[in-house]
Amino acid sequence: MVGVYYRTPDQGEEVAEEFFLQLQQASFSQTLNLTGDFNHPDVSWGSSTANYKQSSKLLEYVEENFLVQVMESLTRADALLDLLLTNAEELLAEVKVGSNLGCNDHVLVEFSVLRGM
């Protein structure tokens, strides 16, 4: 399954909880590759730390559901907002961060999903 997610910066707790429930269900039922603008600039993926409650909750769900965040490059100014979460890292290749997408300040993210024939 390949999915796309956008989190508004002011997303409420109720919507966040619904997303986490859906994330949990999807990650246990099949191979999952989820990308999008998660809008958690306070998360430090290298040290698995965050400054805010919803960001800490995201880190917790990623760990509990055996997901890996594979983006390494900053995707918006000095922040890593656009993520690529997966429970099958071996199926992803050629993860690239490109130039700005159109006239906004987000960059283009490209990746390949490998599969057997």
PDB file of N, CA and C in Angstrom:
ATOM      1  N   MET A   1       0.840  -1.167   0.000  1.00  0.00           N
ATOM      2  CA  MET A   1       0.000   0.000   0.000  1.00  0.00           C
ATOM      3  C   MET A   1       0.890   1.236   0.000  1.00  0.00           C
ATOM      4  N   VAL A   2       0.583   2.164  -0.872  1.00  0.00           N
ATOM      5  CA  VAL A   2       1.259   3.449  -0.912  1.00  0.00           C
ATOM      6  C   VAL A   2       0.216   4.498  -0.563  1.00  0.00           C
ATOM      7  N   GLY A   3       0.526   5.328   0.423  1.00  0.00           N
ATOM      8  CA  GLY A   3      -0.416   6.349   0.851  1.00  0.00           C
ATOM      9  C   GLY A   3       0.235   7.711   0.940  1.00  0.00           C
ATOM     10  N   VAL A   4      -0.599   8.738   0.916  1.00  0.00           N
ATOM     11  CA  VAL A   4      -0.146  10.120   1.037  1.00  0.00           C
ATOM     12  C   VAL A   4      -0.921  10.759   2.180  1.00  0.00           C
ATOM     13  N   TYR A   5      -0.206  11.537   2.985  1.00  0.00           N
ATOM     14  CA  TYR A   5      -0.793  12.151   4.179  1.00  0.00           C
ATOM     15  C   TYR A   5      -0.415  13.620   4.249  1.00  0.00           C
ATOM     16  N   TYR A   6      -1.372  14.451   4.620  1.00  0.00           N
ATOM     17  CA  TYR A   6      -1.088  15.858   4.896  1.00  0.00           C
ATOM     18  C   TYR A   6      -1.668  16.200   6.263  1.00  0.00           C
ATOM     19  N   ARG A   7      -0.809  16.718   7.132  1.00  0.00           N
ATOM     20  CA  ARG A   7      -1.234  17.152   8.464  1.00  0.00           C
ATOM     21  C   ARG A   7      -1.169  18.666   8.517  1.00  0.00           C
ATOM     22  N   THR A   8      -2.292  19.294   8.801  1.00  0.00           N
ATOM     23  CA  THR A   8      -2.281  20.744   8.954  1.00  0.00           C
ATOM     24  C   THR A   8      -1.509  21.092  10.225  1.00  0.00           C
ATOM     25  N   PRO A   9      -0.817  22.224  10.244  1.00  0.00           N
ATOM     26  CA  PRO A   9      -0.036  22.594  11.430  1.00  0.00           C
ATOM     27  C   PRO A   9      -0.869  22.721  12.710  1.00  0.00           C
ATOM     28  N   ASP A  10      -2.143  23.023  12.573  1.00  0.00           N
ATOM     29  CA  ASP A  10      -2.998  23.194  13.755  1.00  0.00           C
ATOM     30  C   ASP A  10      -3.986  22.032  13.943  1.00  0.00           C
ATOM     31  N   GLN A  11      -3.615  20.847  13.480  1.00  0.00           N
ATOM     32  CA  GLN A  11      -4.494  19.680  13.577  1.00  0.00           C
ATOM     33  C   GLN A  11      -4.850  19.376  15.023  1.00  0.00           C
ATOM     34  N   GLY A  12      -6.121  19.095  15.268  1.00  0.00           N
ATOM     35  CA  GLY A  12      -6.592  18.801  16.617  1.00  0.00           C
ATOM     36  C   GLY A  12      -6.283  17.383  17.059  1.00  0.00           C
ATOM     37  N   GLU A  13      -6.414  17.162  18.347  1.00  0.00           N
ATOM     38  CA  GLU A  13      -6.119  15.849  18.947  1.00  0.00           C
ATOM     39  C   GLU A  13      -7.018  14.747  18.392  1.00  0.00           C
ATOM     40  N   GLU A  14      -8.295  15.045  18.181  1.00  0.00           N
ATOM     41  CA  GLU A  14      -9.238  14.030  17.711  1.00  0.00           C
ATOM     42  C   GLU A  14      -8.857  13.516  16.318  1.00  0.00           C
ATOM     43  N   VAL A  15      -8.497  14.419  15.431  1.00  0.00           N
ATOM     44  CA  VAL A  15      -8.080  14.027  14.078  1.00  0.00           C
ATOM     45  C   VAL A  15      -6.768  13.249  14.146  1.00  0.00           C
ATOM     46  N   ALA A  16      -5.843  13.689  14.997  1.00  0.00           N
ATOM     47  CA  ALA A  16      -4.568  12.991  15.159  1.00  0.00           C
ATOM     48  C   ALA A  16      -4.788  11.560  15.637  1.00  0.00           C
ATOM     49  N   GLU A  17      -5.664  11.367  16.606  1.00  0.00           N
ATOM     50  CA  GLU A  17      -5.950  10.018  17.105  1.00  0.00           C
ATOM     51  C   GLU A  17      -6.539   9.127  16.016  1.00  0.00           C
ATOM     52  N   GLU A  18      -7.421   9.671  15.193  1.00  0.00           N
ATOM     53  CA  GLU A  18      -8.000   8.895  14.093  1.00  0.00           C
ATOM     54  C   GLU A  18      -6.922   8.487  13.098  1.00  0.00           C
ATOM     55  N   PHE A  19      -6.009   9.406  12.794  1.00  0.00           N
ATOM     56  CA  PHE A  19      -4.895   9.076  11.897  1.00  0.00           C
ATOM     57  C   PHE A  19      -4.046   7.952  12.483  1.00  0.00           C
ATOM     58  N   PHE A  20      -3.714   8.038  13.777  1.00  0.00           N
ATOM     59  CA  PHE A  20      -2.878   7.016  14.398  1.00  0.00           C
ATOM     60  C   PHE A  20      -3.554   5.647  14.386  1.00  0.00           C
ATOM     61  N   LEU A  21      -4.864   5.610  14.560  1.00  0.00           N
ATOM     62  CA  LEU A  21      -5.593   4.339  14.480  1.00  0.00           C
ATOM     63  C   LEU A  21      -5.515   3.756  13.070  1.00  0.00           C
ATOM     64  N   GLN A  22      -5.702   4.599  12.077  1.00  0.00           N
ATOM     65  CA  GLN A  22      -5.610   4.134  10.686  1.00  0.00           C
ATOM     66  C   GLN A  22      -4.196   3.680  10.345  1.00  0.00           C
ATOM     67  N   LEU A  23      -3.208   4.416  10.836  1.00  0.00           N
ATOM     68  CA  LEU A  23      -1.809   4.047  10.617  1.00  0.00           C
ATOM     69  C   LEU A  23      -1.510   2.681  11.221  1.00  0.00           C
ATOM     70  N   GLN A  24      -1.990   2.455  12.416  1.00  0.00           N
ATOM     71  CA  GLN A  24      -1.763   1.176  13.090  1.00  0.00           C
ATOM     72  C   GLN A  24      -2.394   0.033  12.308  1.00  0.00           C
ATOM     73  N   GLN A  25      -3.632   0.196  11.868  1.00  0.00           N
ATOM     74  CA  GLN A  25      -4.310  -0.848  11.102  1.00  0.00           C
ATOM     75  C   GLN A  25      -3.588  -1.141   9.791  1.00  0.00           C
ATOM     76  N   ALA A  26      -3.202  -0.095   9.084  1.00  0.00           N
ATOM     77  CA  ALA A  26      -2.548  -0.279   7.785  1.00  0.00           C
ATOM     78  C   ALA A  26      -1.181  -0.940   7.923  1.00  0.00           C
ATOM     79  N   SER A  27      -0.437  -0.595   8.959  1.00  0.00           N
ATOM     80  CA  SER A  27       0.919  -1.124   9.085  1.00  0.00           C
ATOM     81  C   SER A  27       0.948  -2.591   9.478  1.00  0.00           C
ATOM     82  N   PHE A  28      -0.099  -3.096  10.093  1.00  0.00           N
ATOM     83  CA  PHE A  28      -0.127  -4.507  10.469  1.00  0.00           C
ATOM     84  C   PHE A  28      -0.747  -5.394   9.398  1.00  0.00           C
ATOM     85  N   SER A  29      -1.529  -4.829   8.514  1.00  0.00           N
ATOM     86  CA  SER A  29      -2.241  -5.664   7.558  1.00  0.00           C
ATOM     87  C   SER A  29      -1.490  -5.892   6.256  1.00  0.00           C
ATOM     88  N   GLN A  30      -0.490  -5.063   5.958  1.00  0.00           N
ATOM     89  CA  GLN A  30       0.179  -5.175   4.665  1.00  0.00           C
ATOM     90  C   GLN A  30       1.461  -4.359   4.656  1.00  0.00           C
ATOM     91  N   THR A  31       2.157  -4.425   3.529  1.00  0.00           N
ATOM     92  CA  THR A  31       3.335  -3.584   3.348  1.00  0.00           C
ATOM     93  C   THR A  31       2.844  -2.153   3.157  1.00  0.00           C
ATOM     94  N   LEU A  32       3.461  -1.227   3.885  1.00  0.00           N
ATOM     95  CA  LEU A  32       3.001   0.158   3.873  1.00  0.00           C
ATOM     96  C   LEU A  32       4.140   1.112   3.548  1.00  0.00           C
ATOM     97  N   ASN A  33       3.891   2.006   2.611  1.00  0.00           N
ATOM     98  CA  ASN A  33       4.778   3.125   2.300  1.00  0.00           C
ATOM     99  C   ASN A  33       3.909   4.369   2.363  1.00  0.00           C
ATOM    100  N   LEU A  34       4.165   5.222   3.345  1.00  0.00           N
ATOM    101  CA  LEU A  34       3.346   6.407   3.567  1.00  0.00           C
ATOM    102  C   LEU A  34       4.224   7.639   3.470  1.00  0.00           C
ATOM    103  N   THR A  35       3.864   8.541   2.596  1.00  0.00           N
ATOM    104  CA  THR A  35       4.641   9.764   2.410  1.00  0.00           C
ATOM    105  C   THR A  35       3.721  10.968   2.525  1.00  0.00           C
ATOM    106  N   GLY A  36       4.304  12.118   2.757  1.00  0.00           N
ATOM    107  CA  GLY A  36       3.513  13.334   2.805  1.00  0.00           C
ATOM    108  C   GLY A  36       4.120  14.384   3.714  1.00  0.00           C
ATOM    109  N   ASP A  37       3.377  15.459   3.865  1.00  0.00           N
ATOM    110  CA  ASP A  37       3.780  16.594   4.698  1.00  0.00           C
ATOM    111  C   ASP A  37       3.190  16.370   6.092  1.00  0.00           C
ATOM    112  N   PHE A  38       4.028  15.938   7.007  1.00  0.00           N
ATOM    113  CA  PHE A  38       3.575  15.608   8.358  1.00  0.00           C
ATOM    114  C   PHE A  38       3.596  16.813   9.290  1.00  0.00           C
ATOM    115  N   ASN A  39       4.264  17.895   8.895  1.00  0.00           N
ATOM    116  CA  ASN A  39       4.295  19.144   9.661  1.00  0.00           C
ATOM    117  C   ASN A  39       4.657  18.958  11.133  1.00  0.00           C
ATOM    118  N   HIS A  40       5.743  18.274  11.372  1.00  0.00           N
ATOM    119  CA  HIS A  40       6.289  18.122  12.728  1.00  0.00           C
ATOM    120  C   HIS A  40       7.740  18.611  12.719  1.00  0.00           C
ATOM    121  N   PRO A  41       7.961  19.939  12.614  1.00  0.00           N
ATOM    122  CA  PRO A  41       9.334  20.445  12.510  1.00  0.00           C
ATOM    123  C   PRO A  41      10.165  20.262  13.776  1.00  0.00           C
ATOM    124  N   ASP A  42       9.528  19.970  14.889  1.00  0.00           N
ATOM    125  CA  ASP A  42      10.243  19.808  16.163  1.00  0.00           C
ATOM    126  C   ASP A  42      10.808  18.416  16.373  1.00  0.00           C
ATOM    127  N   VAL A  43      10.508  17.483  15.476  1.00  0.00           N
ATOM    128  CA  VAL A  43      10.989  16.106  15.633  1.00  0.00           C
ATOM    129  C   VAL A  43      12.444  16.012  15.182  1.00  0.00           C
ATOM    130  N   SER A  44      13.250  15.387  16.016  1.00  0.00           N
ATOM    131  CA  SER A  44      14.618  15.036  15.651  1.00  0.00           C
ATOM    132  C   SER A  44      14.624  13.531  15.413  1.00  0.00           C
ATOM    133  N   TRP A  45      14.649  13.136  14.145  1.00  0.00           N
ATOM    134  CA  TRP A  45      14.555  11.718  13.811  1.00  0.00           C
ATOM    135  C   TRP A  45      15.813  10.963  14.202  1.00  0.00           C
ATOM    136  N   GLY A  46      16.950  11.628  14.210  1.00  0.00           N
ATOM    137  CA  GLY A  46      18.198  10.974  14.593  1.00  0.00           C
ATOM    138  C   GLY A  46      18.215  10.536  16.042  1.00  0.00           C
ATOM    139  N   SER A  47      17.650  11.369  16.911  1.00  0.00           N
ATOM    140  CA  SER A  47      17.634  11.043  18.349  1.00  0.00           C
ATOM    141  C   SER A  47      16.264  10.598  18.838  1.00  0.00           C
ATOM    142  N   SER A  48      15.285  10.536  17.946  1.00  0.00           N
ATOM    143  CA  SER A  48      13.906  10.154  18.304  1.00  0.00           C
ATOM    144  C   SER A  48      13.364  10.984  19.466  1.00  0.00           C
ATOM    145  N   THR A  49      13.473  12.300  19.313  1.00  0.00           N
ATOM    146  CA  THR A  49      12.953  13.211  20.330  1.00  0.00           C
ATOM    147  C   THR A  49      12.063  14.252  19.666  1.00  0.00           C
ATOM    148  N   ALA A  50      11.167  14.829  20.467  1.00  0.00           N
ATOM    149  CA  ALA A  50      10.259  15.870  19.979  1.00  0.00           C
ATOM    150  C   ALA A  50       9.913  16.807  21.127  1.00  0.00           C
ATOM    151  N   ASN A  51       9.516  18.013  20.781  1.00  0.00           N
ATOM    152  CA  ASN A  51       9.191  19.024  21.782  1.00  0.00           C
ATOM    153  C   ASN A  51       7.708  19.105  22.108  1.00  0.00           C
ATOM    154  N   TYR A  52       6.842  18.586  21.236  1.00  0.00           N
ATOM    155  CA  TYR A  52       5.401  18.738  21.428  1.00  0.00           C
ATOM    156  C   TYR A  52       4.711  17.381  21.519  1.00  0.00           C
ATOM    157  N   LYS A  53       3.540  17.398  22.141  1.00  0.00           N
ATOM    158  CA  LYS A  53       2.793  16.170  22.431  1.00  0.00           C
ATOM    159  C   LYS A  53       2.451  15.367  21.160  1.00  0.00           C
ATOM    160  N   GLN A  54       1.881  16.026  20.149  1.00  0.00           N
ATOM    161  CA  GLN A  54       1.501  15.291  18.936  1.00  0.00           C
ATOM    162  C   GLN A  54       2.730  14.738  18.216  1.00  0.00           C
ATOM    163  N   SER A  55       3.828  15.466  18.247  1.00  0.00           N
ATOM    164  CA  SER A  55       5.058  14.980  17.619  1.00  0.00           C
ATOM    165  C   SER A  55       5.613  13.775  18.366  1.00  0.00           C
ATOM    166  N   SER A  56       5.556  13.835  19.696  1.00  0.00           N
ATOM    167  CA  SER A  56       5.997  12.686  20.503  1.00  0.00           C
ATOM    168  C   SER A  56       5.119  11.480  20.235  1.00  0.00           C
ATOM    169  N   LYS A  57       3.841  11.728  20.059  1.00  0.00           N
ATOM    170  CA  LYS A  57       2.899  10.644  19.764  1.00  0.00           C
ATOM    171  C   LYS A  57       3.226  10.009  18.407  1.00  0.00           C
ATOM    172  N   LEU A  58       3.589  10.831  17.425  1.00  0.00           N
ATOM    173  CA  LEU A  58       3.982  10.295  16.126  1.00  0.00           C
ATOM    174  C   LEU A  58       5.198   9.390  16.268  1.00  0.00           C
ATOM    175  N   LEU A  59       6.203   9.844  16.970  1.00  0.00           N
ATOM    176  CA  LEU A  59       7.393   9.015  17.199  1.00  0.00           C
ATOM    177  C   LEU A  59       7.023   7.701  17.873  1.00  0.00           C
ATOM    178  N   GLU A  60       6.148   7.765  18.845  1.00  0.00           N
ATOM    179  CA  GLU A  60       5.702   6.568  19.568  1.00  0.00           C
ATOM    180  C   GLU A  60       5.005   5.590  18.628  1.00  0.00           C
ATOM    181  N   TYR A  61       4.104   6.088  17.787  1.00  0.00           N
ATOM    182  CA  TYR A  61       3.374   5.207  16.867  1.00  0.00           C
ATOM    183  C   TYR A  61       4.289   4.622  15.802  1.00  0.00           C
ATOM    184  N   VAL A  62       5.237   5.405  15.325  1.00  0.00           N
ATOM    185  CA  VAL A  62       6.189   4.885  14.338  1.00  0.00           C
ATOM    186  C   VAL A  62       6.950   3.704  14.936  1.00  0.00           C
ATOM    187  N   GLU A  63       7.428   3.876  16.158  1.00  0.00           N
ATOM    188  CA  GLU A  63       8.184   2.804  16.819  1.00  0.00           C
ATOM    189  C   GLU A  63       7.305   1.594  17.130  1.00  0.00           C
ATOM    190  N   GLU A  64       6.138   1.827  17.704  1.00  0.00           N
ATOM    191  CA  GLU A  64       5.250   0.728  18.102  1.00  0.00           C
ATOM    192  C   GLU A  64       4.748  -0.087  16.915  1.00  0.00           C
ATOM    193  N   ASN A  65       4.668   0.542  15.746  1.00  0.00           N
ATOM    194  CA  ASN A  65       4.142  -0.138  14.566  1.00  0.00           C
ATOM    195  C   ASN A  65       5.239  -0.564  13.596  1.00  0.00           C
ATOM    196  N   PHE A  66       6.486  -0.600  14.108  1.00  0.00           N
ATOM    197  CA  PHE A  66       7.630  -1.107  13.360  1.00  0.00           C
ATOM    198  C   PHE A  66       7.820  -0.392  12.023  1.00  0.00           C
ATOM    199  N   LEU A  67       7.616   0.926  12.051  1.00  0.00           N
ATOM    200  CA  LEU A  67       7.833   1.735  10.861  1.00  0.00           C
ATOM    201  C   LEU A  67       9.203   2.402  10.935  1.00  0.00           C
ATOM    202  N   VAL A  68       9.739   2.724   9.774  1.00  0.00           N
ATOM    203  CA  VAL A  68      11.019   3.411   9.666  1.00  0.00           C
ATOM    204  C   VAL A  68      10.791   4.677   8.854  1.00  0.00           C
ATOM    205  N   GLN A  69      11.392   5.780   9.289  1.00  0.00           N
ATOM    206  CA  GLN A  69      11.341   7.037   8.552  1.00  0.00           C
ATOM    207  C   GLN A  69      12.623   7.105   7.741  1.00  0.00           C
ATOM    208  N   VAL A  70      12.516   7.100   6.395  1.00  0.00           N
ATOM    209  CA  VAL A  70      13.711   6.969   5.558  1.00  0.00           C
ATOM    210  C   VAL A  70      14.216   8.271   4.937  1.00  0.00           C
ATOM    211  N   MET A  71      13.486   9.363   5.050  1.00  0.00           N
ATOM    212  CA  MET A  71      13.963  10.643   4.501  1.00  0.00           C
ATOM    213  C   MET A  71      15.156  11.115   5.324  1.00  0.00           C
ATOM    214  N   GLU A  72      16.206  11.540   4.638  1.00  0.00           N
ATOM    215  CA  GLU A  72      17.397  12.021   5.322  1.00  0.00           C
ATOM    216  C   GLU A  72      17.654  13.499   5.070  1.00  0.00           C
ATOM    217  N   SER A  73      17.163  14.031   3.968  1.00  0.00           N
ATOM    218  CA  SER A  73      17.411  15.420   3.607  1.00  0.00           C
ATOM    219  C   SER A  73      16.287  16.324   4.084  1.00  0.00           C
ATOM    220  N   LEU A  74      16.622  17.564   4.380  1.00  0.00           N
ATOM    221  CA  LEU A  74      15.615  18.547   4.766  1.00  0.00           C
ATOM    222  C   LEU A  74      14.706  18.805   3.580  1.00  0.00           C
ATOM    223  N   THR A  75      13.424  19.004   3.838  1.00  0.00           N
ATOM    224  CA  THR A  75      12.465  19.137   2.743  1.00  0.00           C
ATOM    225  C   THR A  75      11.779  20.496   2.688  1.00  0.00           C
ATOM    226  N   ARG A  76      11.994  21.318   3.695  1.00  0.00           N
ATOM    227  CA  ARG A  76      11.425  22.670   3.670  1.00  0.00           C
ATOM    228  C   ARG A  76      12.309  23.574   4.519  1.00  0.00           C
ATOM    229  N   ALA A  77      13.050  24.434   3.857  1.00  0.00           N
ATOM    230  CA  ALA A  77      13.990  25.335   4.533  1.00  0.00           C
ATOM    231  C   ALA A  77      14.916  24.509   5.421  1.00  0.00           C
ATOM    232  N   ASP A  78      14.870  24.708   6.730  1.00  0.00           N
ATOM    233  CA  ASP A  78      15.757  23.978   7.640  1.00  0.00           C
ATOM    234  C   ASP A  78      15.020  22.896   8.426  1.00  0.00           C
ATOM    235  N   ALA A  79      13.933  22.365   7.858  1.00  0.00           N
ATOM    236  CA  ALA A  79      13.120  21.368   8.567  1.00  0.00           C
ATOM    237  C   ALA A  79      12.875  20.137   7.698  1.00  0.00           C
ATOM    238  N   LEU A  80      12.625  19.034   8.365  1.00  0.00           N
ATOM    239  CA  LEU A  80      12.247  17.791   7.700  1.00  0.00           C
ATOM    240  C   LEU A  80      10.751  17.594   7.958  1.00  0.00           C
ATOM    241  N   LEU A  81       9.927  18.171   7.083  1.00  0.00           N
ATOM    242  CA  LEU A  81       8.471  18.090   7.238  1.00  0.00           C
ATOM    243  C   LEU A  81       7.869  16.961   6.414  1.00  0.00           C
ATOM    244  N   ASP A  82       8.458  16.704   5.256  1.00  0.00           N
ATOM    245  CA  ASP A  82       7.946  15.677   4.347  1.00  0.00           C
ATOM    246  C   ASP A  82       8.667  14.372   4.647  1.00  0.00           C
ATOM    247  N   LEU A  83       7.897  13.376   5.031  1.00  0.00           N
ATOM    248  CA  LEU A  83       8.458  12.110   5.500  1.00  0.00           C
ATOM    249  C   LEU A  83       8.113  10.970   4.561  1.00  0.00           C
ATOM    250  N   LEU A  84       8.844   9.896   4.697  1.00  0.00           N
ATOM    251  CA  LEU A  84       8.559   8.640   4.013  1.00  0.00           C
ATOM    252  C   LEU A  84       8.667   7.544   5.063  1.00  0.00           C
ATOM    253  N   LEU A  85       7.512   7.051   5.494  1.00  0.00           N
ATOM    254  CA  LEU A  85       7.440   5.997   6.513  1.00  0.00           C
ATOM    255  C   LEU A  85       7.149   4.670   5.829  1.00  0.00           C
ATOM    256  N   THR A  86       7.806   3.603   6.292  1.00  0.00           N
ATOM    257  CA  THR A  86       7.589   2.289   5.696  1.00  0.00           C
ATOM    258  C   THR A  86       7.794   1.189   6.733  1.00  0.00           C
ATOM    259  N   ASN A  87       7.170   0.058   6.496  1.00  0.00           N
ATOM    260  CA  ASN A  87       7.442  -1.139   7.284  1.00  0.00           C
ATOM    261  C   ASN A  87       8.179  -2.176   6.435  1.00  0.00           C
ATOM    262  N   ALA A  88       8.664  -1.746   5.267  1.00  0.00           N
ATOM    263  CA  ALA A  88       9.416  -2.623   4.365  1.00  0.00           C
ATOM    264  C   ALA A  88      10.483  -1.794   3.657  1.00  0.00           C
ATOM    265  N   GLU A  89      11.466  -1.361   4.426  1.00  0.00           N
ATOM    266  CA  GLU A  89      12.517  -0.483   3.894  1.00  0.00           C
ATOM    267  C   GLU A  89      13.238  -1.101   2.700  1.00  0.00           C
ATOM    268  N   GLU A  90      13.335  -2.416   2.659  1.00  0.00           N
ATOM    269  CA  GLU A  90      14.023  -3.095   1.565  1.00  0.00           C
ATOM    270  C   GLU A  90      13.303  -2.943   0.226  1.00  0.00           C
ATOM    271  N   LEU A  91      12.058  -2.497   0.229  1.00  0.00           N
ATOM    272  CA  LEU A  91      11.298  -2.312  -1.000  1.00  0.00           C
ATOM    273  C   LEU A  91      11.394  -0.900  -1.560  1.00  0.00           C
ATOM    274  N   LEU A  92      12.120  -0.024  -0.877  1.00  0.00           N
ATOM    275  CA  LEU A  92      12.280   1.358  -1.346  1.00  0.00           C
ATOM    276  C   LEU A  92      13.686   1.561  -1.886  1.00  0.00           C
ATOM    277  N   ALA A  93      13.777   2.299  -2.967  1.00  0.00           N
ATOM    278  CA  ALA A  93      15.082   2.596  -3.569  1.00  0.00           C
ATOM    279  C   ALA A  93      15.054   3.996  -4.153  1.00  0.00           C
ATOM    280  N   GLU A  94      16.228   4.519  -4.373  1.00  0.00           N
ATOM    281  CA  GLU A  94      16.391   5.793  -5.059  1.00  0.00           C
ATOM    282  C   GLU A  94      15.567   6.918  -4.434  1.00  0.00           C
ATOM    283  N   VAL A  95      15.618   7.050  -3.121  1.00  0.00           N
ATOM    284  CA  VAL A  95      14.917   8.150  -2.448  1.00  0.00           C
ATOM    285  C   VAL A  95      15.720   9.416  -2.705  1.00  0.00           C
ATOM    286  N   LYS A  96      15.100  10.381  -3.382  1.00  0.00           N
ATOM    287  CA  LYS A  96      15.782  11.609  -3.771  1.00  0.00           C
ATOM    288  C   LYS A  96      14.943  12.822  -3.395  1.00  0.00           C
ATOM    289  N   VAL A  97      15.630  13.857  -2.946  1.00  0.00           N
ATOM    290  CA  VAL A  97      15.001  15.144  -2.698  1.00  0.00           C
ATOM    291  C   VAL A  97      15.465  16.070  -3.803  1.00  0.00           C
ATOM    292  N   GLY A  98      14.510  16.634  -4.537  1.00  0.00           N
ATOM    293  CA  GLY A  98      14.838  17.483  -5.667  1.00  0.00           C
ATOM    294  C   GLY A  98      14.686  18.955  -5.355  1.00  0.00           C
ATOM    295  N   SER A  99      14.424  19.719  -6.388  1.00  0.00           N
ATOM    296  CA  SER A  99      14.263  21.159  -6.239  1.00  0.00           C
ATOM    297  C   SER A  99      12.839  21.482  -5.806  1.00  0.00           C
ATOM    298  N   ASN A 100      12.572  22.772  -5.622  1.00  0.00           N
ATOM    299  CA  ASN A 100      11.242  23.210  -5.200  1.00  0.00           C
ATOM    300  C   ASN A 100      10.190  22.781  -6.207  1.00  0.00           C
ATOM    301  N   LEU A 101       9.033  22.478  -5.700  1.00  0.00           N
ATOM    302  CA  LEU A 101       7.904  22.073  -6.526  1.00  0.00           C
ATOM    303  C   LEU A 101       7.105  23.323  -6.893  1.00  0.00           C
ATOM    304  N   GLY A 102       7.187  23.724  -8.113  1.00  0.00           N
ATOM    305  CA  GLY A 102       6.490  24.933  -8.548  1.00  0.00           C
ATOM    306  C   GLY A 102       7.058  26.157  -7.859  1.00  0.00           C
ATOM    307  N   CYS A 103       6.185  27.037  -7.408  1.00  0.00           N
ATOM    308  CA  CYS A 103       6.649  28.273  -6.774  1.00  0.00           C
ATOM    309  C   CYS A 103       6.469  28.247  -5.255  1.00  0.00           C
ATOM    310  N   ASN A 104       6.275  27.069  -4.658  1.00  0.00           N
ATOM    311  CA  ASN A 104       6.185  27.020  -3.195  1.00  0.00           C
ATOM    312  C   ASN A 104       7.529  26.621  -2.594  1.00  0.00           C
ATOM    313  N   ASP A 105       7.589  26.561  -1.284  1.00  0.00           N
ATOM    314  CA  ASP A 105       8.873  26.305  -0.624  1.00  0.00           C
ATOM    315  C   ASP A 105       9.077  24.850  -0.211  1.00  0.00           C
ATOM    316  N   HIS A 106       8.248  23.943  -0.705  1.00  0.00           N
ATOM    317  CA  HIS A 106       8.455  22.511  -0.490  1.00  0.00           C
ATOM    318  C   HIS A 106       9.231  21.942  -1.665  1.00  0.00           C
ATOM    319  N   VAL A 107       9.971  20.889  -1.405  1.00  0.00           N
ATOM    320  CA  VAL A 107      10.753  20.261  -2.464  1.00  0.00           C
ATOM    321  C   VAL A 107      10.050  19.011  -2.988  1.00  0.00           C
ATOM    322  N   LEU A 108      10.469  18.588  -4.145  1.00  0.00           N
ATOM    323  CA  LEU A 108       9.945  17.375  -4.762  1.00  0.00           C
ATOM    324  C   LEU A 108      10.678  16.174  -4.177  1.00  0.00           C
ATOM    325  N   VAL A 109       9.939  15.168  -3.766  1.00  0.00           N
ATOM    326  CA  VAL A 109      10.519  13.933  -3.228  1.00  0.00           C
ATOM    327  C   VAL A 109      10.167  12.808  -4.191  1.00  0.00           C
ATOM    328  N   GLU A 110      11.183  12.060  -4.611  1.00  0.00           N
ATOM    329  CA  GLU A 110      10.990  10.934  -5.518  1.00  0.00           C
ATOM    330  C   GLU A 110      11.538   9.668  -4.871  1.00  0.00           C
ATOM    331  N   PHE A 111      10.883   8.546  -5.124  1.00  0.00           N
ATOM    332  CA  PHE A 111      11.378   7.258  -4.670  1.00  0.00           C
ATOM    333  C   PHE A 111      10.780   6.162  -5.530  1.00  0.00           C
ATOM    334  N   SER A 112      11.444   5.019  -5.534  1.00  0.00           N
ATOM    335  CA  SER A 112      10.968   3.848  -6.275  1.00  0.00           C
ATOM    336  C   SER A 112      10.505   2.798  -5.291  1.00  0.00           C
ATOM    337  N   VAL A 113       9.431   2.120  -5.646  1.00  0.00           N
ATOM    338  CA  VAL A 113       8.949   0.985  -4.870  1.00  0.00           C
ATOM    339  C   VAL A 113       9.281  -0.266  -5.663  1.00  0.00           C
ATOM    340  N   LEU A 114      10.106  -1.131  -5.096  1.00  0.00           N
ATOM    341  CA  LEU A 114      10.513  -2.353  -5.761  1.00  0.00           C
ATOM    342  C   LEU A 114       9.510  -3.446  -5.470  1.00  0.00           C
ATOM    343  N   ARG A 115       9.306  -4.313  -6.446  1.00  0.00           N
ATOM    344  CA  ARG A 115       8.421  -5.457  -6.220  1.00  0.00           C
ATOM    345  C   ARG A 115       8.845  -6.594  -7.113  1.00  0.00           C
ATOM    346  N   GLY A 116       8.534  -7.799  -6.682  1.00  0.00           N
ATOM    347  CA  GLY A 116       8.880  -8.971  -7.470  1.00  0.00           C
ATOM    348  C   GLY A 116       7.913  -9.162  -8.624  1.00  0.00           C
ATOM    349  N   MET A 117       8.371  -9.840  -9.636  1.00  0.00           N
ATOM    350  CA  MET A 117       7.521 -10.114 -10.811  1.00  0.00           C
ATOM    351  C   MET A 117       6.988 -11.524 -10.705  1.00  0.00           C
TER     352      MET A 117
END
